[in-house]
Amino acid sequence: MSPRRTRSQKFRDSSQVPEQEAAELRNNRFTLFIQQYEKEAHERISEMEARMDNMLKTVDKFFKVELMKMPPSLQRTLIGDLIDRKLHAVISASFLLIQTNSPEIQRPLKRTSSRKGDAVVCRATLRNAGRTFNDLSVQDKLSFCFSILRSEFPR
């Protein structure tokens, strides 16, 4: 039989370490692990903030370029004014239609199903392309006003 192997000095000493020291070592390792984890988390957060700032700068540049492509009169107008004008135009047109009390308004509109969501609205606008708002029938005016309202104020 071969002689038995003896434990090395390291293993003999580790068995003699009191439990308090072992608990302290575990606590120290745990605190070091937590500190390293927090440091990595802060690094990731700072990287994400840098990426977000970079994206915001890109969006600002894109917005400025698109704004430069617009006519100067549109560049000077405020977005709130544009929305107010569109809303005012739609509301005034709908009030004019309601005030006329046309028999065409009393007719129920036929609902047409479509495979694509806004295909009905697109057909109405394509059918009326090249005509002014006054040339449209009352039914077309109403459908046009409602399509604008749906596109401007989605649910």
N, C-alpha and C. Protein backbone atom coordinates (compact mmCIF):
# COMPACT_ATOMS: atom_id res chain seq x y z
N MET A 1 0.82 -1.19 0.00
CA MET A 1 0.00 0.00 0.00
C MET A 1 0.86 1.24 0.00
N SER A 2 0.35 2.23 -0.70
CA SER A 2 1.09 3.49 -0.74
C SER A 2 0.85 4.26 0.54
N PRO A 3 1.83 5.05 0.91
CA PRO A 3 1.64 5.82 2.14
C PRO A 3 0.54 6.86 1.98
N ARG A 4 -0.10 7.14 3.06
CA ARG A 4 -1.17 8.14 3.05
C ARG A 4 -0.62 9.52 2.83
N ARG A 5 -1.41 10.31 2.07
CA ARG A 5 -0.97 11.69 1.86
C ARG A 5 -1.35 12.52 3.06
N THR A 6 -0.49 13.39 3.42
CA THR A 6 -0.79 14.27 4.55
C THR A 6 -1.32 15.58 4.01
N ARG A 7 -2.11 16.21 4.81
CA ARG A 7 -2.65 17.52 4.41
C ARG A 7 -1.54 18.55 4.44
N SER A 8 -1.68 19.49 3.53
CA SER A 8 -0.67 20.55 3.49
C SER A 8 -0.88 21.50 4.66
N GLN A 9 0.07 22.34 4.87
CA GLN A 9 0.04 23.28 5.98
C GLN A 9 -1.16 24.22 5.85
N LYS A 10 -1.48 24.59 4.62
CA LYS A 10 -2.58 25.52 4.38
C LYS A 10 -3.90 24.95 4.89
N PHE A 11 -4.17 23.71 4.56
CA PHE A 11 -5.42 23.09 4.98
C PHE A 11 -5.46 22.88 6.49
N ARG A 12 -4.34 22.56 7.08
CA ARG A 12 -4.31 22.37 8.52
C ARG A 12 -4.61 23.68 9.23
N ASP A 13 -4.08 24.81 8.70
CA ASP A 13 -4.30 26.10 9.35
C ASP A 13 -5.74 26.56 9.16
N SER A 14 -6.34 26.27 8.01
CA SER A 14 -7.70 26.73 7.76
C SER A 14 -8.69 26.03 8.67
N SER A 15 -8.41 24.83 9.04
CA SER A 15 -9.33 24.14 9.95
C SER A 15 -9.23 24.70 11.36
N GLN A 16 -8.16 25.38 11.65
CA GLN A 16 -7.97 25.93 12.99
C GLN A 16 -8.48 27.36 13.12
N VAL A 17 -8.88 27.98 11.99
CA VAL A 17 -9.35 29.36 12.03
C VAL A 17 -10.68 29.39 12.78
N PRO A 18 -10.82 30.28 13.73
CA PRO A 18 -12.08 30.36 14.47
C PRO A 18 -13.22 30.82 13.55
N GLU A 19 -14.42 30.53 13.96
CA GLU A 19 -15.58 30.87 13.15
C GLU A 19 -15.77 32.37 13.01
N GLN A 20 -15.38 33.14 13.98
CA GLN A 20 -15.53 34.60 13.89
C GLN A 20 -14.71 35.17 12.74
N GLU A 21 -13.48 34.69 12.63
CA GLU A 21 -12.63 35.18 11.54
C GLU A 21 -13.20 34.76 10.18
N ALA A 22 -13.74 33.57 10.11
CA ALA A 22 -14.34 33.11 8.85
C ALA A 22 -15.55 33.97 8.50
N ALA A 23 -16.35 34.32 9.49
CA ALA A 23 -17.50 35.18 9.25
C ALA A 23 -17.06 36.56 8.80
N GLU A 24 -15.99 37.08 9.41
CA GLU A 24 -15.46 38.39 9.00
C GLU A 24 -14.97 38.35 7.56
N LEU A 25 -14.28 37.27 7.21
CA LEU A 25 -13.81 37.13 5.82
C LEU A 25 -14.99 37.11 4.84
N ARG A 26 -16.04 36.36 5.20
CA ARG A 26 -17.22 36.32 4.33
C ARG A 26 -17.86 37.69 4.21
N ASN A 27 -17.97 38.41 5.33
CA ASN A 27 -18.55 39.76 5.30
C ASN A 27 -17.70 40.70 4.45
N ASN A 28 -16.37 40.60 4.59
CA ASN A 28 -15.49 41.46 3.78
C ASN A 28 -15.65 41.17 2.29
N ARG A 29 -15.69 39.88 1.95
CA ARG A 29 -15.88 39.51 0.54
C ARG A 29 -17.23 40.01 0.02
N PHE A 30 -18.24 39.86 0.86
CA PHE A 30 -19.58 40.30 0.46
C PHE A 30 -19.62 41.82 0.25
N THR A 31 -19.01 42.59 1.16
CA THR A 31 -18.99 44.05 0.99
C THR A 31 -18.20 44.44 -0.25
N LEU A 32 -17.07 43.75 -0.50
CA LEU A 32 -16.31 44.05 -1.72
C LEU A 32 -17.13 43.73 -2.98
N PHE A 33 -17.86 42.63 -2.94
CA PHE A 33 -18.71 42.27 -4.08
C PHE A 33 -19.78 43.34 -4.31
N ILE A 34 -20.42 43.78 -3.23
CA ILE A 34 -21.47 44.81 -3.34
C ILE A 34 -20.87 46.11 -3.88
N GLN A 35 -19.70 46.49 -3.37
CA GLN A 35 -19.07 47.73 -3.85
C GLN A 35 -18.74 47.64 -5.34
N GLN A 36 -18.21 46.49 -5.77
CA GLN A 36 -17.88 46.32 -7.18
C GLN A 36 -19.15 46.35 -8.03
N TYR A 37 -20.21 45.72 -7.55
CA TYR A 37 -21.48 45.70 -8.28
C TYR A 37 -22.03 47.11 -8.43
N GLU A 38 -22.00 47.89 -7.34
CA GLU A 38 -22.49 49.28 -7.40
C GLU A 38 -21.65 50.11 -8.35
N LYS A 39 -20.34 49.90 -8.34
CA LYS A 39 -19.45 50.64 -9.23
C LYS A 39 -19.78 50.34 -10.69
N GLU A 40 -19.99 49.05 -11.01
CA GLU A 40 -20.35 48.67 -12.38
C GLU A 40 -21.71 49.24 -12.77
N ALA A 41 -22.64 49.26 -11.82
CA ALA A 41 -23.97 49.83 -12.11
C ALA A 41 -23.86 51.31 -12.42
N HIS A 42 -23.05 52.04 -11.64
CA HIS A 42 -22.87 53.48 -11.91
C HIS A 42 -22.21 53.70 -13.26
N GLU A 43 -21.26 52.83 -13.63
CA GLU A 43 -20.62 52.95 -14.94
C GLU A 43 -21.64 52.73 -16.06
N ARG A 44 -22.49 51.72 -15.89
CA ARG A 44 -23.52 51.46 -16.91
C ARG A 44 -24.49 52.62 -17.02
N ILE A 45 -24.88 53.18 -15.88
CA ILE A 45 -25.80 54.32 -15.89
C ILE A 45 -25.17 55.50 -16.60
N SER A 46 -23.89 55.76 -16.32
CA SER A 46 -23.24 56.89 -16.98
C SER A 46 -23.13 56.64 -18.49
N GLU A 47 -22.88 55.39 -18.90
CA GLU A 47 -22.84 55.07 -20.34
C GLU A 47 -24.20 55.30 -20.98
N MET A 48 -25.27 54.88 -20.30
CA MET A 48 -26.62 55.08 -20.84
C MET A 48 -26.95 56.56 -20.94
N GLU A 49 -26.56 57.34 -19.94
CA GLU A 49 -26.82 58.79 -20.00
C GLU A 49 -26.06 59.41 -21.16
N ALA A 50 -24.83 58.96 -21.38
CA ALA A 50 -24.06 59.49 -22.51
C ALA A 50 -24.73 59.14 -23.84
N ARG A 51 -25.22 57.89 -23.96
CA ARG A 51 -25.93 57.49 -25.17
C ARG A 51 -27.20 58.31 -25.37
N MET A 52 -27.94 58.54 -24.26
CA MET A 52 -29.17 59.32 -24.36
C MET A 52 -28.87 60.76 -24.79
N ASP A 53 -27.82 61.36 -24.23
CA ASP A 53 -27.45 62.71 -24.64
C ASP A 53 -27.08 62.74 -26.12
N ASN A 54 -26.37 61.72 -26.57
CA ASN A 54 -25.98 61.64 -27.97
C ASN A 54 -27.21 61.53 -28.87
N MET A 55 -28.19 60.71 -28.46
CA MET A 55 -29.43 60.58 -29.24
C MET A 55 -30.19 61.89 -29.28
N LEU A 56 -30.26 62.58 -28.15
CA LEU A 56 -30.97 63.87 -28.12
C LEU A 56 -30.30 64.88 -29.04
N LYS A 57 -28.97 64.89 -29.06
CA LYS A 57 -28.26 65.79 -29.97
C LYS A 57 -28.58 65.44 -31.43
N THR A 58 -28.63 64.15 -31.72
CA THR A 58 -28.94 63.71 -33.09
C THR A 58 -30.35 64.14 -33.49
N VAL A 59 -31.29 63.98 -32.58
CA VAL A 59 -32.67 64.38 -32.87
C VAL A 59 -32.75 65.89 -33.07
N ASP A 60 -32.04 66.66 -32.24
CA ASP A 60 -32.04 68.11 -32.41
C ASP A 60 -31.46 68.51 -33.77
N LYS A 61 -30.36 67.86 -34.17
CA LYS A 61 -29.77 68.16 -35.48
C LYS A 61 -30.75 67.83 -36.60
N PHE A 62 -31.39 66.67 -36.50
CA PHE A 62 -32.35 66.26 -37.52
C PHE A 62 -33.50 67.25 -37.60
N PHE A 63 -34.01 67.68 -36.44
CA PHE A 63 -35.11 68.65 -36.41
C PHE A 63 -34.69 69.96 -37.06
N LYS A 64 -33.48 70.43 -36.77
CA LYS A 64 -33.01 71.68 -37.36
C LYS A 64 -32.87 71.57 -38.87
N VAL A 65 -32.38 70.42 -39.34
CA VAL A 65 -32.23 70.22 -40.79
C VAL A 65 -33.60 70.21 -41.46
N GLU A 66 -34.56 69.49 -40.86
CA GLU A 66 -35.90 69.45 -41.43
C GLU A 66 -36.56 70.82 -41.39
N LEU A 67 -36.29 71.59 -40.36
CA LEU A 67 -36.84 72.93 -40.26
C LEU A 67 -36.25 73.84 -41.33
N MET A 68 -34.97 73.64 -41.66
CA MET A 68 -34.34 74.44 -42.71
C MET A 68 -34.95 74.15 -44.08
N LYS A 69 -35.45 72.93 -44.28
CA LYS A 69 -36.04 72.57 -45.56
C LYS A 69 -37.40 73.22 -45.77
N MET A 70 -38.04 73.66 -44.69
CA MET A 70 -39.38 74.25 -44.79
C MET A 70 -39.30 75.68 -45.30
N PRO A 71 -40.40 76.19 -45.83
CA PRO A 71 -40.42 77.59 -46.26
C PRO A 71 -40.23 78.52 -45.06
N PRO A 72 -39.67 79.71 -45.29
CA PRO A 72 -39.41 80.63 -44.17
C PRO A 72 -40.66 81.02 -43.39
N SER A 73 -41.78 81.11 -44.06
CA SER A 73 -43.01 81.49 -43.34
C SER A 73 -43.39 80.40 -42.34
N LEU A 74 -43.19 79.15 -42.71
CA LEU A 74 -43.48 78.05 -41.79
C LEU A 74 -42.44 77.96 -40.68
N GLN A 75 -41.20 78.35 -40.99
CA GLN A 75 -40.16 78.30 -39.98
C GLN A 75 -40.46 79.25 -38.82
N ARG A 76 -41.09 80.37 -39.15
CA ARG A 76 -41.34 81.39 -38.13
C ARG A 76 -42.60 81.13 -37.31
N THR A 77 -43.49 80.27 -37.79
CA THR A 77 -44.73 80.03 -37.05
C THR A 77 -44.50 79.06 -35.91
N LEU A 78 -45.28 79.22 -34.88
CA LEU A 78 -45.19 78.34 -33.72
C LEU A 78 -46.10 77.13 -33.92
N ILE A 79 -45.71 76.01 -33.37
CA ILE A 79 -46.49 74.78 -33.52
C ILE A 79 -47.87 74.94 -32.91
N GLY A 80 -47.95 75.61 -31.78
CA GLY A 80 -49.24 75.84 -31.14
C GLY A 80 -50.18 76.62 -32.04
N ASP A 81 -49.63 77.61 -32.76
CA ASP A 81 -50.46 78.39 -33.69
C ASP A 81 -50.98 77.52 -34.82
N LEU A 82 -50.13 76.63 -35.34
CA LEU A 82 -50.58 75.74 -36.42
C LEU A 82 -51.71 74.83 -35.95
N ILE A 83 -51.56 74.27 -34.77
CA ILE A 83 -52.60 73.38 -34.25
C ILE A 83 -53.88 74.16 -34.02
N ASP A 84 -53.76 75.38 -33.46
CA ASP A 84 -54.95 76.20 -33.23
C ASP A 84 -55.65 76.54 -34.54
N ARG A 85 -54.86 76.85 -35.57
CA ARG A 85 -55.46 77.19 -36.87
C ARG A 85 -56.20 75.99 -37.46
N LYS A 86 -55.57 74.83 -37.41
CA LYS A 86 -56.22 73.63 -37.96
C LYS A 86 -57.49 73.32 -37.20
N LEU A 87 -57.40 73.39 -35.89
CA LEU A 87 -58.57 73.09 -35.06
C LEU A 87 -59.66 74.10 -35.32
N HIS A 88 -59.29 75.38 -35.41
CA HIS A 88 -60.27 76.43 -35.67
C HIS A 88 -60.93 76.22 -37.04
N ALA A 89 -60.14 75.86 -38.04
CA ALA A 89 -60.69 75.64 -39.38
C ALA A 89 -61.66 74.46 -39.39
N VAL A 90 -61.30 73.40 -38.71
CA VAL A 90 -62.17 72.22 -38.68
C VAL A 90 -63.45 72.53 -37.93
N ILE A 91 -63.33 73.20 -36.80
CA ILE A 91 -64.53 73.52 -36.01
C ILE A 91 -65.44 74.47 -36.78
N SER A 92 -64.86 75.50 -37.41
CA SER A 92 -65.71 76.44 -38.14
C SER A 92 -66.38 75.76 -39.33
N ALA A 93 -65.66 74.87 -40.01
CA ALA A 93 -66.27 74.15 -41.13
C ALA A 93 -67.40 73.25 -40.65
N SER A 94 -67.20 72.59 -39.53
CA SER A 94 -68.27 71.71 -39.03
C SER A 94 -69.47 72.53 -38.57
N PHE A 95 -69.24 73.71 -37.97
CA PHE A 95 -70.37 74.55 -37.57
C PHE A 95 -71.13 75.06 -38.80
N LEU A 96 -70.40 75.42 -39.85
CA LEU A 96 -71.08 75.86 -41.08
C LEU A 96 -71.93 74.74 -41.66
N LEU A 97 -71.41 73.53 -41.62
CA LEU A 97 -72.18 72.40 -42.13
C LEU A 97 -73.42 72.14 -41.29
N ILE A 98 -73.28 72.25 -40.00
CA ILE A 98 -74.42 71.99 -39.11
C ILE A 98 -75.47 73.09 -39.28
N GLN A 99 -75.04 74.33 -39.48
CA GLN A 99 -75.98 75.44 -39.62
C GLN A 99 -76.80 75.33 -40.90
N THR A 100 -76.25 74.72 -41.92
CA THR A 100 -76.99 74.63 -43.18
C THR A 100 -78.17 73.68 -43.08
N ASN A 101 -78.14 72.72 -42.16
CA ASN A 101 -79.21 71.73 -41.99
C ASN A 101 -79.59 71.11 -43.33
N SER A 102 -78.60 70.73 -44.04
CA SER A 102 -78.81 70.13 -45.34
C SER A 102 -79.42 68.74 -45.18
N PRO A 103 -80.29 68.34 -46.13
CA PRO A 103 -80.85 66.98 -46.04
C PRO A 103 -79.79 65.90 -46.21
N GLU A 104 -78.65 66.27 -46.80
CA GLU A 104 -77.58 65.29 -46.96
C GLU A 104 -77.00 64.88 -45.62
N ILE A 105 -77.08 65.78 -44.64
CA ILE A 105 -76.57 65.45 -43.31
C ILE A 105 -77.47 64.42 -42.65
N GLN A 106 -78.75 64.49 -42.92
CA GLN A 106 -79.70 63.58 -42.28
C GLN A 106 -79.55 62.14 -42.78
N ARG A 107 -78.98 61.98 -43.98
CA ARG A 107 -78.78 60.63 -44.50
C ARG A 107 -77.72 59.91 -43.67
N PRO A 108 -78.00 58.67 -43.30
CA PRO A 108 -76.96 57.93 -42.56
C PRO A 108 -75.81 57.58 -43.50
N LEU A 109 -74.62 57.65 -42.98
CA LEU A 109 -73.45 57.31 -43.77
C LEU A 109 -73.28 55.80 -43.80
N LYS A 110 -72.88 55.28 -44.95
CA LYS A 110 -72.65 53.85 -45.07
C LYS A 110 -71.25 53.53 -44.56
N ARG A 111 -71.18 52.51 -43.76
CA ARG A 111 -69.89 52.10 -43.22
C ARG A 111 -69.28 51.09 -44.19
N THR A 112 -68.08 51.37 -44.64
CA THR A 112 -67.39 50.45 -45.53
C THR A 112 -66.23 49.83 -44.77
N SER A 113 -66.12 48.53 -44.86
CA SER A 113 -65.01 47.86 -44.18
C SER A 113 -63.79 47.92 -45.08
N SER A 114 -62.65 47.95 -44.46
CA SER A 114 -61.41 47.98 -45.22
C SER A 114 -60.39 47.10 -44.51
N ARG A 115 -59.45 46.63 -45.27
CA ARG A 115 -58.42 45.78 -44.68
C ARG A 115 -57.36 46.61 -43.99
N LYS A 116 -57.18 47.82 -44.45
CA LYS A 116 -56.20 48.70 -43.83
C LYS A 116 -56.97 49.73 -43.02
N GLY A 117 -56.38 50.17 -41.91
CA GLY A 117 -57.07 51.02 -40.95
C GLY A 117 -57.67 52.28 -41.51
N ASP A 118 -56.90 53.12 -42.16
CA ASP A 118 -57.41 54.42 -42.60
C ASP A 118 -57.68 54.44 -44.10
N ALA A 119 -57.95 53.31 -44.69
CA ALA A 119 -58.16 53.26 -46.14
C ALA A 119 -59.40 54.03 -46.54
N VAL A 120 -60.43 54.06 -45.68
CA VAL A 120 -61.66 54.79 -45.99
C VAL A 120 -61.36 56.27 -46.09
N VAL A 121 -60.59 56.78 -45.14
CA VAL A 121 -60.25 58.20 -45.14
C VAL A 121 -59.39 58.52 -46.35
N CYS A 122 -58.45 57.63 -46.68
CA CYS A 122 -57.59 57.88 -47.83
C CYS A 122 -58.39 57.92 -49.12
N ARG A 123 -59.38 57.02 -49.26
CA ARG A 123 -60.20 57.02 -50.46
C ARG A 123 -60.96 58.33 -50.60
N ALA A 124 -61.47 58.85 -49.48
CA ALA A 124 -62.22 60.11 -49.53
C ALA A 124 -61.31 61.25 -49.95
N THR A 125 -60.09 61.28 -49.43
CA THR A 125 -59.20 62.38 -49.79
C THR A 125 -58.70 62.24 -51.21
N LEU A 126 -58.46 60.99 -51.68
CA LEU A 126 -58.01 60.80 -53.06
C LEU A 126 -59.12 61.12 -54.05
N ARG A 127 -60.34 60.78 -53.71
CA ARG A 127 -61.46 61.04 -54.60
C ARG A 127 -61.66 62.55 -54.76
N ASN A 128 -61.36 63.30 -53.72
CA ASN A 128 -61.60 64.74 -53.73
C ASN A 128 -60.35 65.54 -54.06
N ALA A 129 -59.31 64.88 -54.54
CA ALA A 129 -58.06 65.59 -54.83
C ALA A 129 -58.28 66.56 -55.99
N GLY A 130 -57.71 67.73 -55.87
CA GLY A 130 -57.81 68.73 -56.92
C GLY A 130 -59.02 69.62 -56.82
N ARG A 131 -59.88 69.41 -55.84
CA ARG A 131 -61.05 70.26 -55.67
C ARG A 131 -60.90 71.07 -54.39
N THR A 132 -61.52 72.22 -54.35
CA THR A 132 -61.48 73.03 -53.14
C THR A 132 -62.52 72.52 -52.16
N PHE A 133 -62.46 73.03 -50.95
CA PHE A 133 -63.38 72.59 -49.91
C PHE A 133 -64.82 72.96 -50.27
N ASN A 134 -65.02 74.10 -50.92
CA ASN A 134 -66.37 74.53 -51.28
C ASN A 134 -66.99 73.67 -52.38
N ASP A 135 -66.16 73.02 -53.21
CA ASP A 135 -66.67 72.18 -54.28
C ASP A 135 -67.18 70.83 -53.78
N LEU A 136 -66.84 70.46 -52.57
CA LEU A 136 -67.20 69.15 -52.04
C LEU A 136 -68.67 69.11 -51.62
N SER A 137 -69.23 67.90 -51.63
CA SER A 137 -70.58 67.74 -51.12
C SER A 137 -70.53 67.79 -49.59
N VAL A 138 -71.69 67.95 -48.99
CA VAL A 138 -71.75 68.06 -47.54
C VAL A 138 -71.22 66.79 -46.89
N GLN A 139 -71.56 65.66 -47.44
CA GLN A 139 -71.10 64.39 -46.88
C GLN A 139 -69.57 64.30 -46.96
N ASP A 140 -69.00 64.72 -48.09
CA ASP A 140 -67.55 64.70 -48.23
C ASP A 140 -66.89 65.69 -47.28
N LYS A 141 -67.55 66.84 -47.09
CA LYS A 141 -67.00 67.82 -46.15
C LYS A 141 -66.96 67.26 -44.74
N LEU A 142 -68.04 66.60 -44.35
CA LEU A 142 -68.08 66.00 -43.02
C LEU A 142 -67.02 64.92 -42.87
N SER A 143 -66.91 64.05 -43.86
CA SER A 143 -65.93 62.97 -43.76
C SER A 143 -64.51 63.55 -43.73
N PHE A 144 -64.29 64.61 -44.50
CA PHE A 144 -62.98 65.26 -44.50
C PHE A 144 -62.68 65.86 -43.13
N CYS A 145 -63.65 66.57 -42.54
CA CYS A 145 -63.45 67.18 -41.22
C CYS A 145 -63.17 66.12 -40.17
N PHE A 146 -63.93 65.03 -40.21
CA PHE A 146 -63.73 63.98 -39.21
C PHE A 146 -62.39 63.27 -39.41
N SER A 147 -61.96 63.13 -40.66
CA SER A 147 -60.66 62.49 -40.89
C SER A 147 -59.54 63.37 -40.35
N ILE A 148 -59.67 64.69 -40.50
CA ILE A 148 -58.66 65.59 -39.94
C ILE A 148 -58.67 65.50 -38.43
N LEU A 149 -59.87 65.49 -37.85
CA LEU A 149 -59.94 65.38 -36.39
C LEU A 149 -59.32 64.07 -35.90
N ARG A 150 -59.59 62.98 -36.61
CA ARG A 150 -59.02 61.70 -36.20
C ARG A 150 -57.50 61.70 -36.30
N SER A 151 -56.97 62.32 -37.36
CA SER A 151 -55.52 62.33 -37.52
C SER A 151 -54.84 63.29 -36.55
N GLU A 152 -55.49 64.40 -36.22
CA GLU A 152 -54.88 65.38 -35.32
C GLU A 152 -55.00 64.98 -33.87
N PHE A 153 -56.09 64.32 -33.51
CA PHE A 153 -56.33 63.98 -32.11
C PHE A 153 -56.64 62.49 -31.99
N PRO A 154 -55.61 61.65 -32.09
CA PRO A 154 -55.87 60.20 -31.96
C PRO A 154 -56.27 59.85 -30.54
N ARG A 155 -56.96 58.73 -30.41
CA ARG A 155 -57.42 58.32 -29.08
C ARG A 155 -56.30 57.80 -28.25
